[in-house]
Amino acid sequence: MENLKEAQADMRIGYMNGSIGIVVSGTMWLTSGLVALVDTSAHAIWALLIGGVFIFPVSSVIEKIIGQRGAHSKGNPLGALAMEGTIWMIMCLPLAYGLSLLHHEWFFHGMLIIIGGRYLTFATIYGLRLYWILGALLGGAGYVLFSFQQASYVSALTGGTIEVVFGIFMLIRLKKIQK
C-alpha cells in the first residue's frame, strides 16, 4: 500500500464498504431484541454477546459466497486499526455488562454508545464519512433510549433496525457505484 487512499480502497473492496458486516450485526441486535421481547433481558444480553462473536466470521463467509474477498490485503495498515477498534470494543464489554447488573436495559444503552463510537473509526478505515452518521445515530439512540428509560427489547430492536437499514443503504450505494 503506497498511501491511505489505496489502503481505504482495499478495505472497501475487501469488505463491500462494510455493508454485509453492518447487516449481520443488525441481525444479531434484532435477534437479541426478540429474545428480550419473548423471554428475558438477561437472555437477550447473552444472545447479543454470543451473536456478536460471530459477526465478522459470518460476514466474511457471506461476502465470499457472493463472490467478494471478505478480507483485506496482507500488509494493509488499516487492518491493524480495525483490530485495535475491535479490541477496544471488547475491553468495553465488562463496562456494559456491569451496567446490566444494575439494570438489564442499561446494557443495551451502553452497547449502542460503544458500537456507535467504534463505527466512527470506520470512517477512516473505509474512507467513508457516512460512518460518522451511523456512529452518531447509534450513540445518540443509546443516549435517548437511556434518557427515556426504554426497555431492553426497544433498545435492541432500535439498534438492529438502524444497522440493518444503514447496511442495506451502504450495499445499494456500493452497487450503484460499481455500475
Protein backbone atom coordinates (compact mmCIF):
# COMPACT_ATOMS: atom_id res chain seq x y z
CA MET A 1 0.00 0.00 0.00
CA GLU A 2 1.51 3.28 -1.12
CA ASN A 3 -0.89 5.63 0.62
CA LEU A 4 -4.00 5.98 2.75
CA LYS A 5 -6.38 6.20 -0.22
CA GLU A 6 -5.13 2.85 -1.58
CA ALA A 7 -5.45 1.22 1.84
CA GLN A 8 -9.01 2.53 2.21
CA ALA A 9 -9.94 1.35 -1.29
CA ASP A 10 -8.60 -2.11 -0.43
CA MET A 11 -10.78 -2.20 2.70
CA ARG A 12 -13.86 -1.03 0.77
CA ILE A 13 -13.33 -3.69 -1.90
CA GLY A 14 -12.46 -6.45 0.56
CA TYR A 15 -15.48 -5.88 2.78
CA MET A 16 -18.03 -4.34 0.39
CA ASN A 17 -17.87 -0.99 2.21
CA GLY A 18 -18.63 -2.89 5.41
CA SER A 19 -22.25 -3.27 4.34
CA ILE A 20 -22.57 -7.01 4.97
CA GLY A 21 -21.00 -6.70 8.41
CA ILE A 22 -23.44 -3.95 9.35
CA VAL A 23 -26.42 -6.07 8.26
CA VAL A 24 -25.12 -9.13 10.12
CA SER A 25 -24.53 -7.05 13.25
CA GLY A 26 -28.01 -5.57 12.95
CA THR A 27 -29.44 -9.05 12.62
CA MET A 28 -27.73 -10.04 15.88
CA TRP A 29 -29.24 -6.97 17.56
CA LEU A 30 -32.71 -7.77 16.19
CA THR A 31 -32.37 -11.35 17.42
CA SER A 32 -31.41 -10.08 20.85
CA GLY A 33 -34.39 -7.72 20.82
CA LEU A 34 -36.73 -10.58 20.00
CA VAL A 35 -35.24 -12.65 22.83
CA ALA A 36 -35.85 -9.72 25.21
CA LEU A 37 -39.41 -9.42 23.96
CA VAL A 38 -40.38 -13.09 24.32
CA ASP A 39 -38.01 -14.26 27.07
CA THR A 40 -35.84 -12.25 29.47
CA SER A 41 -33.46 -9.32 29.20
CA ALA A 42 -30.74 -11.45 30.77
CA HIS A 43 -31.02 -13.99 27.96
CA ALA A 44 -31.11 -11.15 25.43
CA ILE A 45 -27.79 -9.86 26.78
CA TRP A 46 -26.23 -13.26 26.25
CA ALA A 47 -27.80 -13.52 22.80
CA LEU A 48 -26.10 -10.26 21.79
CA LEU A 49 -22.76 -11.18 23.37
CA ILE A 50 -22.68 -14.64 21.79
CA GLY A 51 -24.07 -13.41 18.47
CA GLY A 52 -21.51 -10.62 18.42
CA VAL A 53 -18.69 -13.17 18.36
CA PHE A 54 -19.97 -14.41 15.02
CA ILE A 55 -20.44 -11.08 13.23
CA PHE A 56 -17.07 -11.00 11.47
CA PRO A 57 -16.86 -14.70 10.51
CA VAL A 58 -20.46 -14.82 9.25
CA SER A 59 -19.94 -11.59 7.29
CA SER A 60 -16.76 -12.93 5.70
CA VAL A 61 -18.47 -16.18 4.68
CA ILE A 62 -21.41 -14.29 3.15
CA GLU A 63 -19.02 -11.99 1.26
CA LYS A 64 -17.14 -14.98 -0.14
CA ILE A 65 -20.37 -16.76 -1.10
CA ILE A 66 -21.44 -13.75 -3.17
CA GLY A 67 -18.05 -13.59 -4.88
CA GLN A 68 -16.19 -10.99 -2.84
CA ARG A 69 -12.90 -11.35 -0.99
CA GLY A 70 -14.23 -10.98 2.54
CA ALA A 71 -10.76 -9.86 3.61
CA HIS A 72 -8.25 -7.08 3.15
CA SER A 73 -4.82 -7.43 1.55
CA LYS A 74 -1.93 -8.51 3.73
CA GLY A 75 0.11 -5.53 4.75
CA ASN A 76 -2.82 -3.12 4.72
CA PRO A 77 -2.10 -0.90 7.74
CA LEU A 78 -5.81 -0.21 8.23
CA GLY A 79 -6.26 -3.86 9.17
CA ALA A 80 -4.40 -3.04 12.39
CA LEU A 81 -6.71 -0.09 13.08
CA ALA A 82 -9.74 -2.33 12.57
CA MET A 83 -8.30 -4.87 15.02
CA GLU A 84 -7.48 -2.15 17.54
CA GLY A 85 -11.06 -0.90 17.35
CA THR A 86 -12.31 -4.43 17.92
CA ILE A 87 -10.06 -4.86 20.95
CA TRP A 88 -11.24 -1.51 22.33
CA MET A 89 -14.85 -2.63 21.93
CA ILE A 90 -14.13 -5.95 23.68
CA MET A 91 -12.46 -4.04 26.52
CA CYS A 92 -15.71 -2.06 26.93
CA LEU A 93 -17.86 -5.19 27.29
CA PRO A 94 -17.24 -5.51 31.06
CA LEU A 95 -18.45 -1.92 31.45
CA ALA A 96 -21.70 -2.68 29.59
CA TYR A 97 -22.10 -5.94 31.49
CA GLY A 98 -21.55 -4.09 34.77
CA LEU A 99 -24.33 -1.70 33.82
CA SER A 100 -26.59 -4.70 33.28
CA LEU A 101 -26.04 -5.77 36.87
CA LEU A 102 -27.76 -2.55 37.93
CA HIS A 103 -30.47 -2.54 35.24
CA HIS A 104 -30.56 -5.00 32.34
CA GLU A 105 -31.72 -2.35 29.87
CA TRP A 106 -28.62 -0.26 30.61
CA PHE A 107 -26.51 -2.93 28.90
CA PHE A 108 -28.19 -2.19 25.58
CA HIS A 109 -27.97 1.58 26.02
CA GLY A 110 -24.28 1.26 26.83
CA MET A 111 -23.61 -1.08 23.92
CA LEU A 112 -25.30 1.28 21.48
CA ILE A 113 -22.97 4.05 22.61
CA ILE A 114 -19.93 1.74 22.48
CA ILE A 115 -20.59 0.41 18.98
CA GLY A 116 -21.55 3.89 17.83
CA GLY A 117 -18.10 5.05 18.91
CA ARG A 118 -16.45 2.11 17.19
CA TYR A 119 -18.20 2.88 13.91
CA LEU A 120 -16.64 6.36 13.95
CA THR A 121 -13.25 4.74 13.25
CA PHE A 122 -14.74 3.05 10.20
CA ALA A 123 -14.85 6.48 8.52
CA THR A 124 -11.05 6.33 8.47
CA ILE A 125 -10.82 2.60 7.76
CA TYR A 126 -13.11 2.76 4.72
CA GLY A 127 -12.65 6.41 3.80
CA LEU A 128 -16.42 6.88 4.05
CA ARG A 129 -17.72 9.74 6.17
CA LEU A 130 -21.13 8.05 6.18
CA TYR A 131 -19.83 6.04 9.12
CA TRP A 132 -19.90 9.23 11.19
CA ILE A 133 -23.65 9.27 10.62
CA LEU A 134 -24.03 5.62 11.65
CA GLY A 135 -21.91 6.18 14.76
CA ALA A 136 -23.89 9.27 15.70
CA LEU A 137 -27.23 7.53 15.12
CA LEU A 138 -26.31 4.57 17.31
CA GLY A 139 -24.64 6.63 20.03
CA GLY A 140 -27.48 9.14 20.02
CA ALA A 141 -30.04 6.35 20.15
CA GLY A 142 -28.28 4.85 23.17
CA TYR A 143 -28.38 8.19 24.96
CA VAL A 144 -32.02 8.96 24.07
CA LEU A 145 -33.21 5.45 24.95
CA PHE A 146 -31.39 5.69 28.29
CA SER A 147 -32.88 9.14 28.95
CA PHE A 148 -36.39 7.81 28.36
CA GLN A 149 -35.69 4.60 30.32
CA GLN A 150 -36.65 2.35 27.43
CA ALA A 151 -36.90 -1.41 27.86
CA SER A 152 -34.21 -3.78 26.64
CA TYR A 153 -36.23 -5.01 23.69
CA VAL A 154 -36.89 -1.45 22.48
CA SER A 155 -33.19 -0.59 22.61
CA ALA A 156 -32.05 -3.79 20.92
CA LEU A 157 -34.68 -3.56 18.20
CA THR A 158 -33.82 0.12 17.64
CA GLY A 159 -30.11 -0.64 17.29
CA GLY A 160 -30.80 -3.57 15.00
CA THR A 161 -33.13 -1.55 12.81
CA ILE A 162 -30.63 1.30 12.49
CA GLU A 163 -27.88 -1.11 11.48
CA VAL A 164 -29.91 -3.20 9.04
CA VAL A 165 -31.34 -0.14 7.29
CA PHE A 166 -27.94 1.56 7.15
CA GLY A 167 -26.23 -1.64 5.96
CA ILE A 168 -28.76 -2.08 3.15
CA PHE A 169 -28.28 1.58 2.21
CA MET A 170 -24.50 1.03 2.08
CA LEU A 171 -24.96 -2.07 -0.09
CA ILE A 172 -27.29 -0.27 -2.52
CA ARG A 173 -24.85 2.65 -2.65
CA LEU A 174 -21.99 0.25 -3.41
CA LYS A 175 -23.92 -1.45 -6.20
CA LYS A 176 -24.74 1.94 -7.80
CA ILE A 177 -21.08 2.97 -7.66
CA GLN A 178 -20.00 -0.34 -9.23
CA LYS A 179 -22.32 0.14 -12.24
